[in-house]
Amino acid sequence: MDCLAALCQMRPALGDLDRNLEAHFEWLDRAAGAGAGLVLFPELSLTGYFLRDLTQEIAVGLDDPRVRRLVARSKERSIVFGLVEESRDHRYYNSAVFAEDGEIKHVHRKVHLPDYGIFEEGRYFASGDRFEVVDSKLGRFGILVCEDAWHLSAGWLHFLDGADALLVPCASPARGVDTDGPELSSETAWRTLTAALALFFQSWVLHCNRVGFEDGAMYWGASSVVTPFGQRAAEAAGEHEELLLHRLSSDPTRRARMFTPLRRDARPDLVRRHLARLLEDPDALKAAGDEAPASRPAQD
């Protein structure tokens, strides 16, 4: 893997797909001028985040002409962008599209939908059901849309599948503004999380967060690139639009995995057996060579 990555810390307009599409073209022109080979946009970059009752109205299929226009721009550089996807059976997903060579190469449908505090994604979106590595001409990438990154099993699955980098498009609103620290508690939490993901999974982590205000929420930005050693290599200024550039290469990944062979020593077979016991899955236990557990006593 050797490419210049561009993270587009942008300010999408809520519910205005056409305006956001033109903004994507402008960001792509800037990225092209810098020579970027990979361009990453924030979560739901084509639609805005707090859509609520607009979700079904603003949703589009992957064959929508506007989506096709944006995908066509991937002939010279790989693009990751977000939208509300309407499936053929009329379910609605918070999706991240990976486009390359003028075609859609992969679509990740957000699996973990936050439904707490100010978040209501579980009310409006269907949940995705898989984590699959994208085998790109630039390398192997795992996509984690915002809340997905907080579930370490998701990143671990990408790690086991050989991901070189984790792409984390986000729409993270400011939280913890009443704290006494120098930064928002949400920013502190994300700094810790991205460093941990990079360190434990020995992968580049590209965290692309949006900025601006939307429905009373402020998005804090501070998009970043973290090395496979957990070190922050590049960071955008918070709260302002910015094109963050950083070159990715395979050498740090190789050195990290040589220094501490976590991938070599991973034991997914052991995890499988323990999960089979916890889930009381006799078929999985049989396949693993263990006996099925005794039934648990009924609860009152």
C-alpha atoms as a PDB file:
ATOM      1  CA  MET A   1       0.000   0.000   0.000  1.00  0.00           C
ATOM      2  CA  ASP A   2       1.378   3.371  -1.015  1.00  0.00           C
ATOM      3  CA  CYS A   3      -1.033   6.223  -1.619  1.00  0.00           C
ATOM      4  CA  LEU A   4      -1.841   9.781  -0.595  1.00  0.00           C
ATOM      5  CA  ALA A   5      -5.079   9.864   1.388  1.00  0.00           C
ATOM      6  CA  ALA A   6      -7.343  12.908   1.511  1.00  0.00           C
ATOM      7  CA  LEU A   7      -9.873  13.289   4.336  1.00  0.00           C
ATOM      8  CA  CYS A   8     -12.606  15.795   3.473  1.00  0.00           C
ATOM      9  CA  GLN A   9     -13.671  17.465   6.716  1.00  0.00           C
ATOM     10  CA  MET A  10     -16.745  19.073   5.192  1.00  0.00           C
ATOM     11  CA  ARG A  11     -20.032  20.660   6.242  1.00  0.00           C
ATOM     12  CA  PRO A  12     -22.944  18.829   4.524  1.00  0.00           C
ATOM     13  CA  ALA A  13     -26.256  20.622   4.108  1.00  0.00           C
ATOM     14  CA  LEU A  14     -29.104  18.777   5.813  1.00  0.00           C
ATOM     15  CA  GLY A  15     -31.393  17.069   3.306  1.00  0.00           C
ATOM     16  CA  ASP A  16     -29.954  18.845   0.229  1.00  0.00           C
ATOM     17  CA  LEU A  17     -28.493  16.040  -1.851  1.00  0.00           C
ATOM     18  CA  ASP A  18     -27.927  18.152  -4.977  1.00  0.00           C
ATOM     19  CA  ARG A  19     -26.024  20.837  -3.091  1.00  0.00           C
ATOM     20  CA  ASN A  20     -23.942  18.241  -1.289  1.00  0.00           C
ATOM     21  CA  LEU A  21     -23.186  16.479  -4.566  1.00  0.00           C
ATOM     22  CA  GLU A  22     -21.721  19.666  -6.023  1.00  0.00           C
ATOM     23  CA  ALA A  23     -19.709  20.130  -2.823  1.00  0.00           C
ATOM     24  CA  HIS A  24     -18.329  16.603  -3.252  1.00  0.00           C
ATOM     25  CA  PHE A  25     -17.165  17.497  -6.755  1.00  0.00           C
ATOM     26  CA  GLU A  26     -15.389  20.582  -5.389  1.00  0.00           C
ATOM     27  CA  TRP A  27     -13.651  18.549  -2.677  1.00  0.00           C
ATOM     28  CA  LEU A  28     -12.647  15.943  -5.250  1.00  0.00           C
ATOM     29  CA  ASP A  29     -11.119  18.655  -7.422  1.00  0.00           C
ATOM     30  CA  ARG A  30      -9.061  19.828  -4.446  1.00  0.00           C
ATOM     31  CA  ALA A  31      -7.993  16.276  -3.656  1.00  0.00           C
ATOM     32  CA  ALA A  32      -7.071  15.677  -7.290  1.00  0.00           C
ATOM     33  CA  GLY A  33      -4.988  18.844  -7.315  1.00  0.00           C
ATOM     34  CA  ALA A  34      -3.045  17.483  -4.343  1.00  0.00           C
ATOM     35  CA  GLY A  35      -2.513  14.143  -6.074  1.00  0.00           C
ATOM     36  CA  ALA A  36      -4.608  12.065  -3.654  1.00  0.00           C
ATOM     37  CA  GLY A  37      -5.333   8.460  -4.591  1.00  0.00           C
ATOM     38  CA  LEU A  38      -7.889   7.816  -1.834  1.00  0.00           C
ATOM     39  CA  VAL A  39     -10.583  10.345  -0.864  1.00  0.00           C
ATOM     40  CA  LEU A  40     -12.637   9.814   2.281  1.00  0.00           C
ATOM     41  CA  PHE A  41     -15.809  11.756   3.133  1.00  0.00           C
ATOM     42  CA  PRO A  42     -17.687  11.824   6.487  1.00  0.00           C
ATOM     43  CA  GLU A  43     -20.705   9.722   7.442  1.00  0.00           C
ATOM     44  CA  LEU A  44     -23.864  10.518   5.428  1.00  0.00           C
ATOM     45  CA  SER A  45     -21.889  13.132   3.505  1.00  0.00           C
ATOM     46  CA  LEU A  46     -24.439  13.356   0.687  1.00  0.00           C
ATOM     47  CA  THR A  47     -27.455  13.870   2.927  1.00  0.00           C
ATOM     48  CA  GLY A  48     -26.549  15.282   6.328  1.00  0.00           C
ATOM     49  CA  TYR A  49     -27.059  13.393   9.566  1.00  0.00           C
ATOM     50  CA  PHE A  50     -30.124  14.394  11.649  1.00  0.00           C
ATOM     51  CA  LEU A  51     -32.647  13.621   8.892  1.00  0.00           C
ATOM     52  CA  ARG A  52     -35.313  12.011  11.091  1.00  0.00           C
ATOM     53  CA  ASP A  53     -38.608  12.202   9.116  1.00  0.00           C
ATOM     54  CA  LEU A  54     -36.672  13.205   5.976  1.00  0.00           C
ATOM     55  CA  THR A  55     -34.911   9.833   5.894  1.00  0.00           C
ATOM     56  CA  GLN A  56     -37.256   8.118   3.449  1.00  0.00           C
ATOM     57  CA  GLU A  57     -37.676  11.243   1.343  1.00  0.00           C
ATOM     58  CA  ILE A  58     -33.954  11.782   0.853  1.00  0.00           C
ATOM     59  CA  ALA A  59     -33.006   8.098   0.394  1.00  0.00           C
ATOM     60  CA  VAL A  60     -31.755   6.970  -3.010  1.00  0.00           C
ATOM     61  CA  GLY A  61     -30.913   3.701  -4.686  1.00  0.00           C
ATOM     62  CA  LEU A  62     -27.372   2.968  -5.773  1.00  0.00           C
ATOM     63  CA  ASP A  63     -28.492   3.379  -9.398  1.00  0.00           C
ATOM     64  CA  ASP A  64     -29.631   6.978  -8.810  1.00  0.00           C
ATOM     65  CA  PRO A  65     -28.162   9.285 -11.501  1.00  0.00           C
ATOM     66  CA  ARG A  66     -26.554  11.518  -8.850  1.00  0.00           C
ATOM     67  CA  VAL A  67     -24.841   8.547  -7.250  1.00  0.00           C
ATOM     68  CA  ARG A  68     -23.673   7.381 -10.671  1.00  0.00           C
ATOM     69  CA  ARG A  69     -22.185  10.829 -11.374  1.00  0.00           C
ATOM     70  CA  LEU A  70     -20.182  10.696  -8.170  1.00  0.00           C
ATOM     71  CA  VAL A  71     -19.072   7.103  -8.744  1.00  0.00           C
ATOM     72  CA  ALA A  72     -17.877   8.099 -12.208  1.00  0.00           C
ATOM     73  CA  ARG A  73     -15.362  10.408 -10.549  1.00  0.00           C
ATOM     74  CA  SER A  74     -13.596   7.357  -9.118  1.00  0.00           C
ATOM     75  CA  LYS A  75     -11.916   6.473 -12.403  1.00  0.00           C
ATOM     76  CA  GLU A  76      -8.692   8.162 -11.313  1.00  0.00           C
ATOM     77  CA  ARG A  77      -8.950   7.930  -7.509  1.00  0.00           C
ATOM     78  CA  SER A  78     -10.827   5.763  -5.025  1.00  0.00           C
ATOM     79  CA  ILE A  79     -13.702   7.480  -3.191  1.00  0.00           C
ATOM     80  CA  VAL A  80     -15.607   6.666  -0.003  1.00  0.00           C
ATOM     81  CA  PHE A  81     -18.811   8.644   0.588  1.00  0.00           C
ATOM     82  CA  GLY A  82     -21.976   8.270   2.660  1.00  0.00           C
ATOM     83  CA  LEU A  83     -25.676   8.338   1.865  1.00  0.00           C
ATOM     84  CA  VAL A  84     -29.061   7.020   2.904  1.00  0.00           C
ATOM     85  CA  GLU A  85     -29.486   3.955   0.721  1.00  0.00           C
ATOM     86  CA  GLU A  86     -32.917   2.598  -0.161  1.00  0.00           C
ATOM     87  CA  SER A  87     -32.648  -1.102  -0.883  1.00  0.00           C
ATOM     88  CA  ARG A  88     -34.706  -2.899  -3.504  1.00  0.00           C
ATOM     89  CA  ASP A  89     -37.018  -4.202  -0.777  1.00  0.00           C
ATOM     90  CA  HIS A  90     -37.463  -0.619   0.538  1.00  0.00           C
ATOM     91  CA  ARG A  91     -35.338  -0.744   3.643  1.00  0.00           C
ATOM     92  CA  TYR A  92     -33.216   2.260   4.510  1.00  0.00           C
ATOM     93  CA  TYR A  93     -29.531   2.016   5.441  1.00  0.00           C
ATOM     94  CA  ASN A  94     -26.837   4.361   6.656  1.00  0.00           C
ATOM     95  CA  SER A  95     -24.375   3.306   3.958  1.00  0.00           C
ATOM     96  CA  ALA A  96     -20.784   4.044   3.003  1.00  0.00           C
ATOM     97  CA  VAL A  97     -19.969   3.489  -0.671  1.00  0.00           C
ATOM     98  CA  PHE A  98     -16.451   2.573  -1.826  1.00  0.00           C
ATOM     99  CA  ALA A  99     -16.088   3.516  -5.503  1.00  0.00           C
ATOM    100  CA  GLU A 100     -13.075   2.707  -7.681  1.00  0.00           C
ATOM    101  CA  ASP A 101     -12.314   2.647 -11.405  1.00  0.00           C
ATOM    102  CA  GLY A 102     -15.704   4.229 -12.121  1.00  0.00           C
ATOM    103  CA  GLU A 103     -17.692   1.488 -10.389  1.00  0.00           C
ATOM    104  CA  ILE A 104     -19.117   0.713  -6.969  1.00  0.00           C
ATOM    105  CA  LYS A 105     -16.689  -1.770  -5.490  1.00  0.00           C
ATOM    106  CA  HIS A 106     -18.288  -2.198  -2.071  1.00  0.00           C
ATOM    107  CA  VAL A 107     -21.146  -0.898   0.081  1.00  0.00           C
ATOM    108  CA  HIS A 108     -20.923  -1.077   3.861  1.00  0.00           C
ATOM    109  CA  ARG A 109     -24.251  -0.769   5.641  1.00  0.00           C
ATOM    110  CA  LYS A 110     -23.749   0.501   9.168  1.00  0.00           C
ATOM    111  CA  VAL A 111     -24.244  -2.387  11.574  1.00  0.00           C
ATOM    112  CA  HIS A 112     -24.337  -0.734  14.995  1.00  0.00           C
ATOM    113  CA  LEU A 113     -27.036   1.941  15.070  1.00  0.00           C
ATOM    114  CA  PRO A 114     -26.880   4.236  18.123  1.00  0.00           C
ATOM    115  CA  ASP A 115     -30.218   4.717  19.800  1.00  0.00           C
ATOM    116  CA  TYR A 116     -29.356   6.593  22.995  1.00  0.00           C
ATOM    117  CA  GLY A 117     -28.986  10.202  24.076  1.00  0.00           C
ATOM    118  CA  ILE A 118     -29.599  12.433  21.056  1.00  0.00           C
ATOM    119  CA  PHE A 119     -29.229   9.536  18.601  1.00  0.00           C
ATOM    120  CA  GLU A 120     -32.241   7.848  16.958  1.00  0.00           C
ATOM    121  CA  GLU A 121     -30.729   5.787  14.152  1.00  0.00           C
ATOM    122  CA  GLY A 122     -32.437   2.578  15.248  1.00  0.00           C
ATOM    123  CA  ARG A 123     -35.780   4.252  14.616  1.00  0.00           C
ATOM    124  CA  TYR A 124     -35.075   5.200  11.009  1.00  0.00           C
ATOM    125  CA  PHE A 125     -32.476   2.766   9.645  1.00  0.00           C
ATOM    126  CA  ALA A 126     -32.190  -0.955   9.125  1.00  0.00           C
ATOM    127  CA  SER A 127     -29.002  -2.525  10.415  1.00  0.00           C
ATOM    128  CA  GLY A 128     -26.329  -4.007   8.200  1.00  0.00           C
ATOM    129  CA  ASP A 129     -25.267  -7.588   8.870  1.00  0.00           C
ATOM    130  CA  ARG A 130     -21.620  -7.956   7.859  1.00  0.00           C
ATOM    131  CA  PHE A 131     -18.094  -6.575   7.967  1.00  0.00           C
ATOM    132  CA  GLU A 132     -16.166  -7.279   4.781  1.00  0.00           C
ATOM    133  CA  VAL A 133     -12.730  -6.021   3.773  1.00  0.00           C
ATOM    134  CA  VAL A 134     -12.568  -4.067   0.498  1.00  0.00           C
ATOM    135  CA  ASP A 135      -9.884  -5.501  -1.753  1.00  0.00           C
ATOM    136  CA  SER A 136      -8.833  -2.275  -3.501  1.00  0.00           C
ATOM    137  CA  LYS A 137      -6.035  -1.608  -5.958  1.00  0.00           C
ATOM    138  CA  LEU A 138      -4.584   0.646  -3.215  1.00  0.00           C
ATOM    139  CA  GLY A 139      -4.688  -1.971  -0.459  1.00  0.00           C
ATOM    140  CA  ARG A 140      -7.179  -3.759   1.773  1.00  0.00           C
ATOM    141  CA  PHE A 141      -9.569  -1.509   3.671  1.00  0.00           C
ATOM    142  CA  GLY A 142     -12.085  -2.127   6.427  1.00  0.00           C
ATOM    143  CA  ILE A 143     -14.940   0.368   6.804  1.00  0.00           C
ATOM    144  CA  LEU A 144     -16.386   1.196  10.228  1.00  0.00           C
ATOM    145  CA  VAL A 145     -19.107   3.853  10.167  1.00  0.00           C
ATOM    146  CA  CYS A 146     -18.917   5.864  13.395  1.00  0.00           C
ATOM    147  CA  GLU A 147     -20.634   3.681  16.063  1.00  0.00           C
ATOM    148  CA  ASP A 148     -19.275   0.548  14.371  1.00  0.00           C
ATOM    149  CA  ALA A 149     -15.832   1.560  15.599  1.00  0.00           C
ATOM    150  CA  TRP A 150     -16.960   1.405  19.241  1.00  0.00           C
ATOM    151  CA  HIS A 151     -17.581  -2.345  18.940  1.00  0.00           C
ATOM    152  CA  LEU A 152     -14.110  -3.879  18.934  1.00  0.00           C
ATOM    153  CA  SER A 153     -15.345  -7.135  17.406  1.00  0.00           C
ATOM    154  CA  ALA A 154     -15.970  -5.196  14.178  1.00  0.00           C
ATOM    155  CA  GLY A 155     -12.400  -3.954  13.892  1.00  0.00           C
ATOM    156  CA  TRP A 156     -11.075  -7.370  14.928  1.00  0.00           C
ATOM    157  CA  LEU A 157     -12.957  -9.045  12.074  1.00  0.00           C
ATOM    158  CA  HIS A 158     -11.315  -6.640   9.615  1.00  0.00           C
ATOM    159  CA  PHE A 159      -7.953  -7.307  11.275  1.00  0.00           C
ATOM    160  CA  LEU A 160      -8.355 -11.072  10.863  1.00  0.00           C
ATOM    161  CA  ASP A 161      -9.352 -10.547   7.229  1.00  0.00           C
ATOM    162  CA  GLY A 162      -6.132  -8.691   6.454  1.00  0.00           C
ATOM    163  CA  ALA A 163      -7.141  -5.027   6.463  1.00  0.00           C
ATOM    164  CA  ASP A 164      -4.235  -2.607   5.916  1.00  0.00           C
ATOM    165  CA  ALA A 165      -6.269   0.386   7.071  1.00  0.00           C
ATOM    166  CA  LEU A 166      -9.544   1.106   8.851  1.00  0.00           C
ATOM    167  CA  LEU A 167     -11.669   3.856   7.294  1.00  0.00           C
ATOM    168  CA  VAL A 168     -13.937   5.516   9.863  1.00  0.00           C
ATOM    169  CA  PRO A 169     -16.370   8.083   8.401  1.00  0.00           C
ATOM    170  CA  CYS A 170     -18.177   9.906  11.228  1.00  0.00           C
ATOM    171  CA  ALA A 171     -20.816  12.466  12.086  1.00  0.00           C
ATOM    172  CA  SER A 172     -19.892  12.957  15.735  1.00  0.00           C
ATOM    173  CA  PRO A 173     -21.654  15.851  17.490  1.00  0.00           C
ATOM    174  CA  ALA A 174     -20.048  17.678  20.374  1.00  0.00           C
ATOM    175  CA  ARG A 175     -20.691  16.114  23.755  1.00  0.00           C
ATOM    176  CA  GLY A 176     -19.290  16.975  27.166  1.00  0.00           C
ATOM    177  CA  VAL A 177     -19.083  20.742  26.614  1.00  0.00           C
ATOM    178  CA  ASP A 178     -19.470  21.284  30.372  1.00  0.00           C
ATOM    179  CA  THR A 179     -16.213  19.519  31.244  1.00  0.00           C
ATOM    180  CA  ASP A 180     -13.193  21.377  32.652  1.00  0.00           C
ATOM    181  CA  GLY A 181     -10.705  19.815  30.245  1.00  0.00           C
ATOM    182  CA  PRO A 182      -9.066  21.525  27.254  1.00  0.00           C
ATOM    183  CA  GLU A 183     -11.235  19.621  24.766  1.00  0.00           C
ATOM    184  CA  LEU A 184     -14.681  18.075  24.448  1.00  0.00           C
ATOM    185  CA  SER A 185     -15.160  14.727  26.153  1.00  0.00           C
ATOM    186  CA  SER A 186     -16.336  13.336  22.804  1.00  0.00           C
ATOM    187  CA  GLU A 187     -13.065  14.422  21.203  1.00  0.00           C
ATOM    188  CA  THR A 188     -11.025  12.897  24.024  1.00  0.00           C
ATOM    189  CA  ALA A 189     -12.956   9.638  23.673  1.00  0.00           C
ATOM    190  CA  TRP A 190     -12.384   9.479  19.917  1.00  0.00           C
ATOM    191  CA  ARG A 191      -8.676  10.214  20.298  1.00  0.00           C
ATOM    192  CA  THR A 192      -8.409   7.305  22.708  1.00  0.00           C
ATOM    193  CA  LEU A 193     -10.503   5.000  20.538  1.00  0.00           C
ATOM    194  CA  THR A 194      -8.680   5.632  17.243  1.00  0.00           C
ATOM    195  CA  ALA A 195      -5.303   5.170  18.924  1.00  0.00           C
ATOM    196  CA  ALA A 196      -6.507   1.912  20.485  1.00  0.00           C
ATOM    197  CA  LEU A 197      -7.887   0.606  17.173  1.00  0.00           C
ATOM    198  CA  ALA A 198      -4.616   1.377  15.411  1.00  0.00           C
ATOM    199  CA  LEU A 199      -2.504  -0.150  18.183  1.00  0.00           C
ATOM    200  CA  PHE A 200      -4.512  -3.324  18.756  1.00  0.00           C
ATOM    201  CA  PHE A 201      -5.203  -4.033  15.075  1.00  0.00           C
ATOM    202  CA  GLN A 202      -1.837  -2.720  13.830  1.00  0.00           C
ATOM    203  CA  SER A 203      -3.535  -0.828  11.021  1.00  0.00           C
ATOM    204  CA  TRP A 204      -3.751   2.715   9.780  1.00  0.00           C
ATOM    205  CA  VAL A 205      -6.891   4.421  11.077  1.00  0.00           C
ATOM    206  CA  LEU A 206      -8.423   7.243   9.040  1.00  0.00           C
ATOM    207  CA  HIS A 207     -11.081   9.036  11.092  1.00  0.00           C
ATOM    208  CA  CYS A 208     -13.018  11.535   8.960  1.00  0.00           C
ATOM    209  CA  ASN A 209     -15.462  13.611  11.010  1.00  0.00           C
ATOM    210  CA  ARG A 210     -17.727  16.370   9.728  1.00  0.00           C
ATOM    211  CA  VAL A 211     -18.084  19.959  10.955  1.00  0.00           C
ATOM    212  CA  GLY A 212     -20.815  22.590  11.135  1.00  0.00           C
ATOM    213  CA  PHE A 213     -24.134  22.933  12.926  1.00  0.00           C
ATOM    214  CA  GLU A 214     -27.222  20.844  12.258  1.00  0.00           C
ATOM    215  CA  ASP A 215     -30.536  20.785  14.109  1.00  0.00           C
ATOM    216  CA  GLY A 216     -28.950  22.345  17.195  1.00  0.00           C
ATOM    217  CA  ALA A 217     -25.934  20.007  17.208  1.00  0.00           C
ATOM    218  CA  MET A 218     -22.338  21.124  16.619  1.00  0.00           C
ATOM    219  CA  TYR A 219     -19.872  18.785  14.936  1.00  0.00           C
ATOM    220  CA  TRP A 220     -16.315  19.142  16.175  1.00  0.00           C
ATOM    221  CA  GLY A 221     -14.236  17.834  13.265  1.00  0.00           C
ATOM    222  CA  ALA A 222     -10.615  17.102  14.271  1.00  0.00           C
ATOM    223  CA  SER A 223     -10.330  14.385  11.605  1.00  0.00           C
ATOM    224  CA  SER A 224      -7.123  12.420  11.927  1.00  0.00           C
ATOM    225  CA  VAL A 225      -4.766   9.783  10.574  1.00  0.00           C
ATOM    226  CA  VAL A 226      -3.255   7.368  13.107  1.00  0.00           C
ATOM    227  CA  THR A 227      -0.328   5.057  12.354  1.00  0.00           C
ATOM    228  CA  PRO A 228      -0.281   1.283  13.053  1.00  0.00           C
ATOM    229  CA  PHE A 229       1.743   2.158  16.178  1.00  0.00           C
ATOM    230  CA  GLY A 230      -1.130   4.239  17.565  1.00  0.00           C
ATOM    231  CA  GLN A 231       0.585   7.562  16.874  1.00  0.00           C
ATOM    232  CA  ARG A 232      -1.360  10.525  15.482  1.00  0.00           C
ATOM    233  CA  ALA A 233       0.384  11.364  12.216  1.00  0.00           C
ATOM    234  CA  ALA A 234      -1.962  14.119  10.981  1.00  0.00           C
ATOM    235  CA  GLU A 235      -4.936  16.013  12.365  1.00  0.00           C
ATOM    236  CA  ALA A 236      -7.306  18.636  11.021  1.00  0.00           C
ATOM    237  CA  ALA A 237      -8.262  21.721  12.981  1.00  0.00           C
ATOM    238  CA  GLY A 238     -11.514  21.314  14.851  1.00  0.00           C
ATOM    239  CA  GLU A 239     -14.748  22.991  13.758  1.00  0.00           C
ATOM    240  CA  HIS A 240     -13.535  24.206  10.348  1.00  0.00           C
ATOM    241  CA  GLU A 241     -13.660  22.664   6.890  1.00  0.00           C
ATOM    242  CA  GLU A 242     -10.290  21.271   5.883  1.00  0.00           C
ATOM    243  CA  LEU A 243      -8.696  18.870   3.430  1.00  0.00           C
ATOM    244  CA  LEU A 244      -6.385  16.670   5.498  1.00  0.00           C
ATOM    245  CA  LEU A 245      -3.637  14.925   3.524  1.00  0.00           C
ATOM    246  CA  HIS A 246      -1.318  12.127   4.584  1.00  0.00           C
ATOM    247  CA  ARG A 247       0.604   9.438   2.730  1.00  0.00           C
ATOM    248  CA  LEU A 248      -0.090   5.829   3.680  1.00  0.00           C
ATOM    249  CA  SER A 249       2.471   3.080   3.195  1.00  0.00           C
ATOM    250  CA  SER A 250       2.836  -0.576   4.079  1.00  0.00           C
ATOM    251  CA  ASP A 251       6.128  -0.195   5.918  1.00  0.00           C
ATOM    252  CA  PRO A 252       4.703   0.939   9.310  1.00  0.00           C
ATOM    253  CA  THR A 253       2.142  -1.877   9.179  1.00  0.00           C
ATOM    254  CA  ARG A 254       4.861  -4.434   8.467  1.00  0.00           C
ATOM    255  CA  ARG A 255       7.082  -3.126  11.273  1.00  0.00           C
ATOM    256  CA  ALA A 256       4.210  -3.049  13.790  1.00  0.00           C
ATOM    257  CA  ARG A 257       3.216  -6.638  13.019  1.00  0.00           C
ATOM    258  CA  MET A 258       6.802  -7.839  13.144  1.00  0.00           C
ATOM    259  CA  PHE A 259       7.422  -6.126  16.472  1.00  0.00           C
ATOM    260  CA  THR A 260       4.302  -7.572  18.104  1.00  0.00           C
ATOM    261  CA  PRO A 261       2.784 -10.500  16.125  1.00  0.00           C
ATOM    262  CA  LEU A 262      -0.787 -10.066  17.332  1.00  0.00           C
ATOM    263  CA  ARG A 263      -2.273 -11.235  14.064  1.00  0.00           C
ATOM    264  CA  ARG A 264      -0.129 -14.373  14.029  1.00  0.00           C
ATOM    265  CA  ASP A 265      -1.159 -15.231  17.583  1.00  0.00           C
ATOM    266  CA  ALA A 266      -4.869 -14.447  17.266  1.00  0.00           C
ATOM    267  CA  ARG A 267      -7.116 -17.370  18.257  1.00  0.00           C
ATOM    268  CA  PRO A 268     -10.460 -17.021  16.435  1.00  0.00           C
ATOM    269  CA  ASP A 269     -11.056 -20.748  16.984  1.00  0.00           C
ATOM    270  CA  LEU A 270     -10.940 -20.192  20.740  1.00  0.00           C
ATOM    271  CA  VAL A 271     -13.332 -17.243  20.457  1.00  0.00           C
ATOM    272  CA  ARG A 272     -15.644 -19.393  18.354  1.00  0.00           C
ATOM    273  CA  ARG A 273     -15.846 -22.068  21.044  1.00  0.00           C
ATOM    274  CA  HIS A 274     -16.516 -19.588  23.808  1.00  0.00           C
ATOM    275  CA  LEU A 275     -19.197 -17.835  21.770  1.00  0.00           C
ATOM    276  CA  ALA A 276     -20.820 -21.180  21.028  1.00  0.00           C
ATOM    277  CA  ARG A 277     -21.042 -21.851  24.762  1.00  0.00           C
ATOM    278  CA  LEU A 278     -22.377 -18.389  25.549  1.00  0.00           C
ATOM    279  CA  LEU A 279     -24.976 -18.647  22.790  1.00  0.00           C
ATOM    280  CA  GLU A 280     -25.756 -22.283  23.588  1.00  0.00           C
ATOM    281  CA  ASP A 281     -25.191 -23.200  19.946  1.00  0.00           C
ATOM    282  CA  PRO A 282     -24.851 -27.012  19.800  1.00  0.00           C
ATOM    283  CA  ASP A 283     -24.051 -27.093  16.078  1.00  0.00           C
ATOM    284  CA  ALA A 284     -21.121 -24.731  16.497  1.00  0.00           C
ATOM    285  CA  LEU A 285     -19.895 -26.706  19.503  1.00  0.00           C
ATOM    286  CA  LYS A 286     -20.087 -29.947  17.578  1.00  0.00           C
ATOM    287  CA  ALA A 287     -18.111 -28.448  14.717  1.00  0.00           C
ATOM    288  CA  ALA A 288     -15.523 -27.258  17.222  1.00  0.00           C
ATOM    289  CA  GLY A 289     -15.302 -30.709  18.796  1.00  0.00           C
ATOM    290  CA  ASP A 290     -16.876 -29.742  22.130  1.00  0.00           C
ATOM    291  CA  GLU A 291     -19.985 -31.075  23.778  1.00  0.00           C
ATOM    292  CA  ALA A 292     -23.148 -29.020  23.969  1.00  0.00           C
ATOM    293  CA  PRO A 293     -23.636 -27.290  27.325  1.00  0.00           C
ATOM    294  CA  ALA A 294     -26.322 -28.332  29.724  1.00  0.00           C
ATOM    295  CA  SER A 295     -29.468 -26.256  29.490  1.00  0.00           C
ATOM    296  CA  ARG A 296     -29.576 -23.324  31.813  1.00  0.00           C
ATOM    297  CA  PRO A 297     -32.307 -23.321  34.446  1.00  0.00           C
ATOM    298  CA  ALA A 298     -35.412 -21.390  33.520  1.00  0.00           C
ATOM    299  CA  GLN A 299     -35.634 -17.878  34.912  1.00  0.00           C
ATOM    300  CA  ASP A 300     -38.611 -16.765  36.975  1.00  0.00           C
END
